[in-house]
C-alpha cells in the first residue's frame, strides 16, 4: 500500500487563514504586525525565499519591509542595520536571510538580533529557552513539522523518532520539540555508523541532511511516518532528501517535495511574527 501523503500546502493554507484573522484583530486594536527582512547580495535562492515571505505577509495582512544590501557590504553596515531594527518599536520581527556572503560573520549578526524579535528562532537565548522548555521563538521549519504531525493526528508520545541531521536550524531544534512531545529521540548525522539499522527502528523519521534521495525504502520501517525536510535542485527539478518512489511504497505517511514542509516554514514565520507583535517572545 502506498503511503498517505501529508499535504503541507493544505495545512499551511488553513493556518494562514487563521493567522490572517488574528492579524486583522491586532490591527483593529492598533497594532500593525511588522516583519523586517534583511537581504544581502543577489543569491537567486535567497531572492525567491524573500519574495515568497513578502507575498505571504501581504496576504496575511502583515507589514513587510525588505532591506537590501550589496553583496560586498561591510560587516559594520549590516550590524548597523540590525541595530536600527532592534531599536525600532514599530518592527516586531527581524529576519536576516541566510546564507550571508562568505566575508560576513553570520554568527555575530544572529547574536545581535533582539531575542524578542528573533522570529527565525536562531538566537542563542531562544535556543536555550527551547532546551529548557521555556517559552520563546522556535525555528520555523521544525515547528512546522510538529504542526503537520498534529494536523494529521499522528501520535508522538512514546514513539521512537529518528532525526537525520544536527544543524541548529532544523536537526537540533527538531529533536528538542519531539522530546518535549514525549518521543524517544535519536539524532543521526554524517558520522553515524550503521545508519540504516537505526532509521529502520523509527516510528517517525525526519530527514534533514541536504542530500538528494539520501533516504531509501530499505532504510524505513514499514508504516513509519517519514518527514522530508530537504530541498535539493537536481537537473532543474526540486527533490527532497527522501527517495520518493522507494519510500512511498514502505512508509505509512510521507511529506512530498515540493508540497510538504516548505509552505509550513513560511506559515510558522508568520505565526512567530504575530507572537512577537503580541509580546509573546518576552
C-alpha atoms as a PDB file:
ATOM      1  CA  UNK A   1       0.000   0.000   0.000  1.00  0.00           C
ATOM      2  CA  UNK A   2       1.326   3.442  -0.929  1.00  0.00           C
ATOM      3  CA  UNK A   3       1.988   5.959   1.821  1.00  0.00           C
ATOM      4  CA  UNK A   4      -0.574   8.603   2.696  1.00  0.00           C
ATOM      5  CA  UNK A   5       0.832  11.925   1.501  1.00  0.00           C
ATOM      6  CA  UNK A   6       0.898  14.726   4.062  1.00  0.00           C
ATOM      7  CA  UNK A   7      -0.373  17.808   2.249  1.00  0.00           C
ATOM      8  CA  UNK A   8       1.664  20.662   3.652  1.00  0.00           C
ATOM      9  CA  UNK A   9       0.116  23.146   1.251  1.00  0.00           C
ATOM     10  CA  UNK A  10      -3.408  22.458   2.535  1.00  0.00           C
ATOM     11  CA  UNK A  11      -2.384  22.607   6.206  1.00  0.00           C
ATOM     12  CA  UNK A  12      -0.398  25.816   5.646  1.00  0.00           C
ATOM     13  CA  UNK A  13      -3.303  27.380   3.760  1.00  0.00           C
ATOM     14  CA  UNK A  14      -5.636  26.697   6.677  1.00  0.00           C
ATOM     15  CA  UNK A  15      -3.130  28.080   9.185  1.00  0.00           C
ATOM     16  CA  UNK A  16      -2.545  31.208   7.094  1.00  0.00           C
ATOM     17  CA  UNK A  17      -6.300  31.880   7.052  1.00  0.00           C
ATOM     18  CA  UNK A  18      -6.339  31.699  10.853  1.00  0.00           C
ATOM     19  CA  UNK A  19      -3.285  33.957  11.053  1.00  0.00           C
ATOM     20  CA  UNK A  20      -4.909  36.485   8.730  1.00  0.00           C
ATOM     21  CA  UNK A  21      -7.887  36.736  11.087  1.00  0.00           C
ATOM     22  CA  UNK A  22      -5.527  37.140  14.013  1.00  0.00           C
ATOM     23  CA  UNK A  23      -3.597  39.882  12.210  1.00  0.00           C
ATOM     24  CA  UNK A  24      -6.833  41.743  11.463  1.00  0.00           C
ATOM     25  CA  UNK A  25      -7.792  41.616  15.134  1.00  0.00           C
ATOM     26  CA  UNK A  26      -4.401  43.033  16.142  1.00  0.00           C
ATOM     27  CA  UNK A  27      -4.678  45.826  13.589  1.00  0.00           C
ATOM     28  CA  UNK A  28      -8.140  46.670  14.923  1.00  0.00           C
ATOM     29  CA  UNK A  29      -6.526  47.090  18.338  1.00  0.00           C
ATOM     30  CA  UNK A  30      -3.991  49.493  16.869  1.00  0.00           C
ATOM     31  CA  UNK A  31      -1.047  47.098  16.444  1.00  0.00           C
ATOM     32  CA  UNK A  32       0.317  46.672  12.917  1.00  0.00           C
ATOM     33  CA  UNK A  33       2.448  43.481  12.902  1.00  0.00           C
ATOM     34  CA  UNK A  34       5.680  44.257  11.069  1.00  0.00           C
ATOM     35  CA  UNK A  35       8.360  41.886   9.783  1.00  0.00           C
ATOM     36  CA  UNK A  36      11.680  43.292   8.558  1.00  0.00           C
ATOM     37  CA  UNK A  37      13.841  41.103   6.324  1.00  0.00           C
ATOM     38  CA  UNK A  38      17.487  41.892   5.608  1.00  0.00           C
ATOM     39  CA  UNK A  39      18.745  40.524   2.284  1.00  0.00           C
ATOM     40  CA  UNK A  40      22.434  40.775   1.423  1.00  0.00           C
ATOM     41  CA  UNK A  41      23.546  40.183  -2.152  1.00  0.00           C
ATOM     42  CA  UNK A  42      21.903  38.595  -5.176  1.00  0.00           C
ATOM     43  CA  UNK A  43      21.738  34.889  -4.253  1.00  0.00           C
ATOM     44  CA  UNK A  44      18.938  33.587  -6.542  1.00  0.00           C
ATOM     45  CA  UNK A  45      17.523  31.138  -3.989  1.00  0.00           C
ATOM     46  CA  UNK A  46      17.503  33.796  -1.281  1.00  0.00           C
ATOM     47  CA  UNK A  47      15.727  36.206  -3.640  1.00  0.00           C
ATOM     48  CA  UNK A  48      12.976  33.612  -4.195  1.00  0.00           C
ATOM     49  CA  UNK A  49      12.653  32.843  -0.468  1.00  0.00           C
ATOM     50  CA  UNK A  50      12.381  36.518   0.440  1.00  0.00           C
ATOM     51  CA  UNK A  51       9.804  37.169  -2.288  1.00  0.00           C
ATOM     52  CA  UNK A  52       7.703  34.239  -1.035  1.00  0.00           C
ATOM     53  CA  UNK A  53       7.874  35.555   2.537  1.00  0.00           C
ATOM     54  CA  UNK A  54       6.946  39.030   1.347  1.00  0.00           C
ATOM     55  CA  UNK A  55       3.914  37.733  -0.566  1.00  0.00           C
ATOM     56  CA  UNK A  56       2.786  35.634   2.399  1.00  0.00           C
ATOM     57  CA  UNK A  57       2.956  38.674   4.676  1.00  0.00           C
ATOM     58  CA  UNK A  58       0.871  40.765   2.290  1.00  0.00           C
ATOM     59  CA  UNK A  59      -1.823  38.072   2.066  1.00  0.00           C
ATOM     60  CA  UNK A  60      -1.930  37.716   5.858  1.00  0.00           C
ATOM     61  CA  UNK A  61      -2.167  41.473   6.452  1.00  0.00           C
ATOM     62  CA  UNK A  62       1.302  41.716   7.995  1.00  0.00           C
ATOM     63  CA  UNK A  63       3.505  44.661   7.063  1.00  0.00           C
ATOM     64  CA  UNK A  64       6.713  43.535   5.380  1.00  0.00           C
ATOM     65  CA  UNK A  65       9.856  45.572   4.813  1.00  0.00           C
ATOM     66  CA  UNK A  66      12.848  44.235   2.881  1.00  0.00           C
ATOM     67  CA  UNK A  67      16.204  45.960   3.390  1.00  0.00           C
ATOM     68  CA  UNK A  68      18.537  45.075   0.528  1.00  0.00           C
ATOM     69  CA  UNK A  69      22.294  45.444   0.946  1.00  0.00           C
ATOM     70  CA  UNK A  70      25.041  44.990  -1.638  1.00  0.00           C
ATOM     71  CA  UNK A  71      26.905  41.696  -1.918  1.00  0.00           C
ATOM     72  CA  UNK A  72      30.121  43.404  -0.781  1.00  0.00           C
ATOM     73  CA  UNK A  73      28.597  45.326   2.132  1.00  0.00           C
ATOM     74  CA  UNK A  74      30.785  45.697   5.200  1.00  0.00           C
ATOM     75  CA  UNK A  75      30.146  43.857   8.453  1.00  0.00           C
ATOM     76  CA  UNK A  76      29.586  47.154  10.241  1.00  0.00           C
ATOM     77  CA  UNK A  77      26.987  48.266   7.693  1.00  0.00           C
ATOM     78  CA  UNK A  78      24.980  45.084   8.256  1.00  0.00           C
ATOM     79  CA  UNK A  79      25.315  45.349  12.034  1.00  0.00           C
ATOM     80  CA  UNK A  80      24.137  48.973  11.913  1.00  0.00           C
ATOM     81  CA  UNK A  81      21.003  47.880  10.043  1.00  0.00           C
ATOM     82  CA  UNK A  82      20.254  45.177  12.621  1.00  0.00           C
ATOM     83  CA  UNK A  83      20.862  47.622  15.490  1.00  0.00           C
ATOM     84  CA  UNK A  84      18.444  50.144  13.962  1.00  0.00           C
ATOM     85  CA  UNK A  85      15.755  47.454  13.562  1.00  0.00           C
ATOM     86  CA  UNK A  86      16.286  46.374  17.182  1.00  0.00           C
ATOM     87  CA  UNK A  87      15.676  49.975  18.290  1.00  0.00           C
ATOM     88  CA  UNK A  88      12.619  50.495  16.081  1.00  0.00           C
ATOM     89  CA  UNK A  89       9.491  49.921  18.193  1.00  0.00           C
ATOM     90  CA  UNK A  90       7.398  49.591  15.040  1.00  0.00           C
ATOM     91  CA  UNK A  91       9.336  46.493  13.924  1.00  0.00           C
ATOM     92  CA  UNK A  92       8.245  43.316  15.684  1.00  0.00           C
ATOM     93  CA  UNK A  93      10.168  40.623  13.809  1.00  0.00           C
ATOM     94  CA  UNK A  94      13.667  40.652  12.309  1.00  0.00           C
ATOM     95  CA  UNK A  95      14.920  38.058   9.838  1.00  0.00           C
ATOM     96  CA  UNK A  96      18.391  38.098   8.294  1.00  0.00           C
ATOM     97  CA  UNK A  97      18.189  35.907   5.195  1.00  0.00           C
ATOM     98  CA  UNK A  98      20.810  33.164   5.187  1.00  0.00           C
ATOM     99  CA  UNK A  99      23.304  32.307   3.884  1.00  0.00           C
ATOM    100  CA  UNK A 100      25.263  35.537   4.049  1.00  0.00           C
ATOM    101  CA  UNK A 101      28.215  36.210   1.736  1.00  0.00           C
ATOM    102  CA  UNK A 102      31.373  34.478   2.969  1.00  0.00           C
ATOM    103  CA  UNK A 103      33.154  37.630   4.164  1.00  0.00           C
ATOM    104  CA  UNK A 104      30.449  38.351   6.751  1.00  0.00           C
ATOM    105  CA  UNK A 105      30.351  36.893  10.278  1.00  0.00           C
ATOM    106  CA  UNK A 106      26.957  35.160  10.251  1.00  0.00           C
ATOM    107  CA  UNK A 107      27.066  34.018  13.879  1.00  0.00           C
ATOM    108  CA  UNK A 108      27.888  37.530  15.112  1.00  0.00           C
ATOM    109  CA  UNK A 109      24.978  39.013  13.163  1.00  0.00           C
ATOM    110  CA  UNK A 110      22.500  36.472  14.518  1.00  0.00           C
ATOM    111  CA  UNK A 111      23.704  37.167  18.071  1.00  0.00           C
ATOM    112  CA  UNK A 112      22.928  40.847  17.560  1.00  0.00           C
ATOM    113  CA  UNK A 113      19.221  40.347  16.847  1.00  0.00           C
ATOM    114  CA  UNK A 114      16.958  41.188  19.781  1.00  0.00           C
ATOM    115  CA  UNK A 115      15.823  37.745  21.056  1.00  0.00           C
ATOM    116  CA  UNK A 116      12.271  39.096  21.378  1.00  0.00           C
ATOM    117  CA  UNK A 117      12.298  39.973  17.650  1.00  0.00           C
ATOM    118  CA  UNK A 118      14.124  36.812  16.593  1.00  0.00           C
ATOM    119  CA  UNK A 119      11.279  35.255  14.577  1.00  0.00           C
ATOM    120  CA  UNK A 120      13.678  32.756  12.967  1.00  0.00           C
ATOM    121  CA  UNK A 121      14.448  31.369  16.440  1.00  0.00           C
ATOM    122  CA  UNK A 122      18.202  31.235  15.799  1.00  0.00           C
ATOM    123  CA  UNK A 123      19.430  33.405  18.703  1.00  0.00           C
ATOM    124  CA  UNK A 124      21.258  31.503  21.437  1.00  0.00           C
ATOM    125  CA  UNK A 125      18.794  32.780  24.022  1.00  0.00           C
ATOM    126  CA  UNK A 126      15.870  31.255  22.142  1.00  0.00           C
ATOM    127  CA  UNK A 127      17.829  28.036  21.646  1.00  0.00           C
ATOM    128  CA  UNK A 128      18.379  27.951  25.395  1.00  0.00           C
ATOM    129  CA  UNK A 129      14.706  28.575  26.067  1.00  0.00           C
ATOM    130  CA  UNK A 130      13.813  25.642  23.832  1.00  0.00           C
ATOM    131  CA  UNK A 131      16.344  23.421  25.576  1.00  0.00           C
ATOM    132  CA  UNK A 132      14.919  24.350  28.978  1.00  0.00           C
ATOM    133  CA  UNK A 133      11.272  24.035  27.957  1.00  0.00           C
ATOM    134  CA  UNK A 134      10.648  27.752  28.333  1.00  0.00           C
ATOM    135  CA  UNK A 135       8.546  29.943  26.010  1.00  0.00           C
ATOM    136  CA  UNK A 136      10.467  31.538  23.171  1.00  0.00           C
ATOM    137  CA  UNK A 137      10.755  31.584  19.420  1.00  0.00           C
ATOM    138  CA  UNK A 138      11.341  28.207  17.759  1.00  0.00           C
ATOM    139  CA  UNK A 139      12.920  27.779  14.299  1.00  0.00           C
ATOM    140  CA  UNK A 140      10.129  27.770  11.738  1.00  0.00           C
ATOM    141  CA  UNK A 141      10.817  24.509   9.905  1.00  0.00           C
ATOM    142  CA  UNK A 142      10.819  22.124  12.898  1.00  0.00           C
ATOM    143  CA  UNK A 143       7.846  23.987  14.354  1.00  0.00           C
ATOM    144  CA  UNK A 144       6.061  23.450  11.039  1.00  0.00           C
ATOM    145  CA  UNK A 145       6.824  19.728  11.167  1.00  0.00           C
ATOM    146  CA  UNK A 146       5.188  19.466  14.573  1.00  0.00           C
ATOM    147  CA  UNK A 147       2.097  21.270  13.234  1.00  0.00           C
ATOM    148  CA  UNK A 148       1.893  18.782  10.349  1.00  0.00           C
ATOM    149  CA  UNK A 149       2.008  15.829  12.745  1.00  0.00           C
ATOM    150  CA  UNK A 150      -0.706  17.479  14.815  1.00  0.00           C
ATOM    151  CA  UNK A 151      -2.877  18.208  11.755  1.00  0.00           C
ATOM    152  CA  UNK A 152      -2.809  14.548  10.725  1.00  0.00           C
ATOM    153  CA  UNK A 153      -3.401  13.291  14.276  1.00  0.00           C
ATOM    154  CA  UNK A 154      -0.114  11.404  14.189  1.00  0.00           C
ATOM    155  CA  UNK A 155       0.811  10.377  17.752  1.00  0.00           C
ATOM    156  CA  UNK A 156       4.262  11.354  19.002  1.00  0.00           C
ATOM    157  CA  UNK A 157       4.147  10.391  22.689  1.00  0.00           C
ATOM    158  CA  UNK A 158       6.050   7.177  23.339  1.00  0.00           C
ATOM    159  CA  UNK A 159       7.174   6.819  19.719  1.00  0.00           C
ATOM    160  CA  UNK A 160      10.774   6.412  18.577  1.00  0.00           C
ATOM    161  CA  UNK A 161      11.712   9.422  16.465  1.00  0.00           C
ATOM    162  CA  UNK A 162      14.938   9.478  14.468  1.00  0.00           C
ATOM    163  CA  UNK A 163      16.273  12.789  13.130  1.00  0.00           C
ATOM    164  CA  UNK A 164      18.948  12.651  10.423  1.00  0.00           C
ATOM    165  CA  UNK A 165      20.816  15.948  10.640  1.00  0.00           C
ATOM    166  CA  UNK A 166      22.172  18.013  13.519  1.00  0.00           C
ATOM    167  CA  UNK A 167      22.011  21.610  12.280  1.00  0.00           C
ATOM    168  CA  UNK A 168      20.990  24.455  14.578  1.00  0.00           C
ATOM    169  CA  UNK A 169      18.278  25.366  12.064  1.00  0.00           C
ATOM    170  CA  UNK A 170      16.478  22.013  11.804  1.00  0.00           C
ATOM    171  CA  UNK A 171      18.109  18.942  13.351  1.00  0.00           C
ATOM    172  CA  UNK A 172      18.743  20.031  16.928  1.00  0.00           C
ATOM    173  CA  UNK A 173      15.531  22.031  17.480  1.00  0.00           C
ATOM    174  CA  UNK A 174      13.542  19.249  15.781  1.00  0.00           C
ATOM    175  CA  UNK A 175      14.928  16.759  18.287  1.00  0.00           C
ATOM    176  CA  UNK A 176      14.085  19.082  21.196  1.00  0.00           C
ATOM    177  CA  UNK A 177      10.485  19.541  20.045  1.00  0.00           C
ATOM    178  CA  UNK A 178       9.972  15.808  19.594  1.00  0.00           C
ATOM    179  CA  UNK A 179      11.487  15.182  23.016  1.00  0.00           C
ATOM    180  CA  UNK A 180       9.181  17.782  24.553  1.00  0.00           C
ATOM    181  CA  UNK A 181       6.269  15.896  22.965  1.00  0.00           C
ATOM    182  CA  UNK A 182       7.388  12.746  24.832  1.00  0.00           C
ATOM    183  CA  UNK A 183       9.028  10.907  21.948  1.00  0.00           C
ATOM    184  CA  UNK A 184      12.210   8.912  22.436  1.00  0.00           C
ATOM    185  CA  UNK A 185      14.659  10.678  20.123  1.00  0.00           C
ATOM    186  CA  UNK A 186      17.789   9.550  18.298  1.00  0.00           C
ATOM    187  CA  UNK A 187      19.881  12.080  16.356  1.00  0.00           C
ATOM    188  CA  UNK A 188      21.962  10.745  13.469  1.00  0.00           C
ATOM    189  CA  UNK A 189      24.488  12.527  11.268  1.00  0.00           C
ATOM    190  CA  UNK A 190      27.281  12.030   8.754  1.00  0.00           C
ATOM    191  CA  UNK A 191      29.453  10.153  11.257  1.00  0.00           C
ATOM    192  CA  UNK A 192      26.727   7.770  12.461  1.00  0.00           C
ATOM    193  CA  UNK A 193      27.634   4.123  11.996  1.00  0.00           C
ATOM    194  CA  UNK A 194      25.053   1.592  10.832  1.00  0.00           C
ATOM    195  CA  UNK A 195      22.658   4.402   9.945  1.00  0.00           C
ATOM    196  CA  UNK A 196      20.114   2.197   8.182  1.00  0.00           C
ATOM    197  CA  UNK A 197      19.838  -0.073  11.222  1.00  0.00           C
ATOM    198  CA  UNK A 198      18.874   2.934  13.323  1.00  0.00           C
ATOM    199  CA  UNK A 199      16.468   4.510  10.830  1.00  0.00           C
ATOM    200  CA  UNK A 200      14.619   1.202  10.447  1.00  0.00           C
ATOM    201  CA  UNK A 201      13.706   1.459  14.143  1.00  0.00           C
ATOM    202  CA  UNK A 202      11.996   4.833  13.681  1.00  0.00           C
ATOM    203  CA  UNK A 203       8.263   5.277  14.042  1.00  0.00           C
ATOM    204  CA  UNK A 204       8.867   8.875  12.935  1.00  0.00           C
ATOM    205  CA  UNK A 205      11.812   9.592  10.640  1.00  0.00           C
ATOM    206  CA  UNK A 206      12.850  13.172   9.874  1.00  0.00           C
ATOM    207  CA  UNK A 207      15.359  13.647   7.035  1.00  0.00           C
ATOM    208  CA  UNK A 208      17.259  16.950   7.138  1.00  0.00           C
ATOM    209  CA  UNK A 209      20.652  16.211   5.602  1.00  0.00           C
ATOM    210  CA  UNK A 210      20.617  18.276   2.397  1.00  0.00           C
ATOM    211  CA  UNK A 211      21.442  15.333   0.129  1.00  0.00           C
ATOM    212  CA  UNK A 212      19.058  14.410  -2.654  1.00  0.00           C
ATOM    213  CA  UNK A 213      17.334  10.999  -2.378  1.00  0.00           C
ATOM    214  CA  UNK A 214      19.520  10.063   0.607  1.00  0.00           C
ATOM    215  CA  UNK A 215      16.859   8.056   2.453  1.00  0.00           C
ATOM    216  CA  UNK A 216      15.763   4.980   0.509  1.00  0.00           C
ATOM    217  CA  UNK A 217      12.995   2.475   1.077  1.00  0.00           C
ATOM    218  CA  UNK A 218      15.265  -0.110   2.666  1.00  0.00           C
ATOM    219  CA  UNK A 219      16.081   2.413   5.428  1.00  0.00           C
ATOM    220  CA  UNK A 220      12.442   2.801   6.501  1.00  0.00           C
ATOM    221  CA  UNK A 221      10.343   0.768   8.903  1.00  0.00           C
ATOM    222  CA  UNK A 222       7.085  -0.380   7.251  1.00  0.00           C
ATOM    223  CA  UNK A 223       4.299   2.027   8.188  1.00  0.00           C
ATOM    224  CA  UNK A 224       6.635   4.711   9.551  1.00  0.00           C
ATOM    225  CA  UNK A 225       5.948   8.438   9.298  1.00  0.00           C
ATOM    226  CA  UNK A 226       8.639   9.991   7.076  1.00  0.00           C
ATOM    227  CA  UNK A 227       9.123  13.762   7.086  1.00  0.00           C
ATOM    228  CA  UNK A 228      11.298  15.077   4.260  1.00  0.00           C
ATOM    229  CA  UNK A 229      12.778  18.468   5.127  1.00  0.00           C
ATOM    230  CA  UNK A 230      15.281  18.524   2.263  1.00  0.00           C
ATOM    231  CA  UNK A 231      15.062  20.841  -0.732  1.00  0.00           C
ATOM    232  CA  UNK A 232      17.575  19.978  -3.440  1.00  0.00           C
ATOM    233  CA  UNK A 233      17.649  21.010  -7.076  1.00  0.00           C
ATOM    234  CA  UNK A 234      18.624  18.160  -9.402  1.00  0.00           C
ATOM    235  CA  UNK A 235      18.612  18.787 -13.148  1.00  0.00           C
ATOM    236  CA  UNK A 236      16.258  21.719 -12.680  1.00  0.00           C
ATOM    237  CA  UNK A 237      13.818  19.740 -10.538  1.00  0.00           C
ATOM    238  CA  UNK A 238      13.153  20.113  -6.801  1.00  0.00           C
ATOM    239  CA  UNK A 239      13.626  16.883  -4.867  1.00  0.00           C
ATOM    240  CA  UNK A 240      13.917  16.080  -1.178  1.00  0.00           C
ATOM    241  CA  UNK A 241      16.334  14.089   0.956  1.00  0.00           C
ATOM    242  CA  UNK A 242      13.997  11.104   0.588  1.00  0.00           C
ATOM    243  CA  UNK A 243      13.811   8.887  -2.481  1.00  0.00           C
ATOM    244  CA  UNK A 244      10.094   9.345  -3.019  1.00  0.00           C
ATOM    245  CA  UNK A 245       9.419   6.296  -5.179  1.00  0.00           C
ATOM    246  CA  UNK A 246      11.021   3.663  -2.951  1.00  0.00           C
ATOM    247  CA  UNK A 247       9.995   5.212   0.389  1.00  0.00           C
ATOM    248  CA  UNK A 248       6.368   5.826  -0.581  1.00  0.00           C
ATOM    249  CA  UNK A 249       5.981   2.084  -1.097  1.00  0.00           C
ATOM    250  CA  UNK A 250       7.043   1.382   2.516  1.00  0.00           C
ATOM    251  CA  UNK A 251       6.059   4.346   4.697  1.00  0.00           C
ATOM    252  CA  UNK A 252       2.653   4.913   6.260  1.00  0.00           C
ATOM    253  CA  UNK A 253       2.845   8.699   5.877  1.00  0.00           C
ATOM    254  CA  UNK A 254       5.203  10.794   3.757  1.00  0.00           C
ATOM    255  CA  UNK A 255       5.685  14.505   3.024  1.00  0.00           C
ATOM    256  CA  UNK A 256       6.271  15.207  -0.679  1.00  0.00           C
ATOM    257  CA  UNK A 257       8.798  17.703  -2.042  1.00  0.00           C
ATOM    258  CA  UNK A 258       7.556  20.167  -3.077  1.00  0.00           C
ATOM    259  CA  UNK A 259       4.225  20.405  -1.289  1.00  0.00           C
ATOM    260  CA  UNK A 260       5.221  19.188   2.157  1.00  0.00           C
ATOM    261  CA  UNK A 261       7.232  21.036   4.773  1.00  0.00           C
ATOM    262  CA  UNK A 262       8.204  24.139   2.750  1.00  0.00           C
ATOM    263  CA  UNK A 263       4.913  26.018   2.981  1.00  0.00           C
ATOM    264  CA  UNK A 264       4.714  25.251   6.702  1.00  0.00           C
ATOM    265  CA  UNK A 265       8.006  27.064   7.267  1.00  0.00           C
ATOM    266  CA  UNK A 266       6.521  30.295   5.922  1.00  0.00           C
ATOM    267  CA  UNK A 267       3.301  29.822   7.903  1.00  0.00           C
ATOM    268  CA  UNK A 268       5.311  29.457  11.119  1.00  0.00           C
ATOM    269  CA  UNK A 269       7.291  32.604  10.293  1.00  0.00           C
ATOM    270  CA  UNK A 270       4.009  34.497  10.101  1.00  0.00           C
ATOM    271  CA  UNK A 271       2.874  32.949  13.398  1.00  0.00           C
ATOM    272  CA  UNK A 272       6.140  33.909  15.107  1.00  0.00           C
ATOM    273  CA  UNK A 273       5.813  37.463  13.788  1.00  0.00           C
ATOM    274  CA  UNK A 274       2.310  37.782  15.232  1.00  0.00           C
ATOM    275  CA  UNK A 275       3.563  36.346  18.521  1.00  0.00           C
ATOM    276  CA  UNK A 276       6.333  38.947  18.550  1.00  0.00           C
ATOM    277  CA  UNK A 277       3.842  41.729  17.867  1.00  0.00           C
ATOM    278  CA  UNK A 278       1.751  40.456  20.757  1.00  0.00           C
ATOM    279  CA  UNK A 279       4.740  40.377  23.091  1.00  0.00           C
ATOM    280  CA  UNK A 280       4.794  36.588  23.413  1.00  0.00           C
ATOM    281  CA  UNK A 281       8.525  36.333  22.775  1.00  0.00           C
ATOM    282  CA  UNK A 282       9.243  38.181  26.015  1.00  0.00           C
END
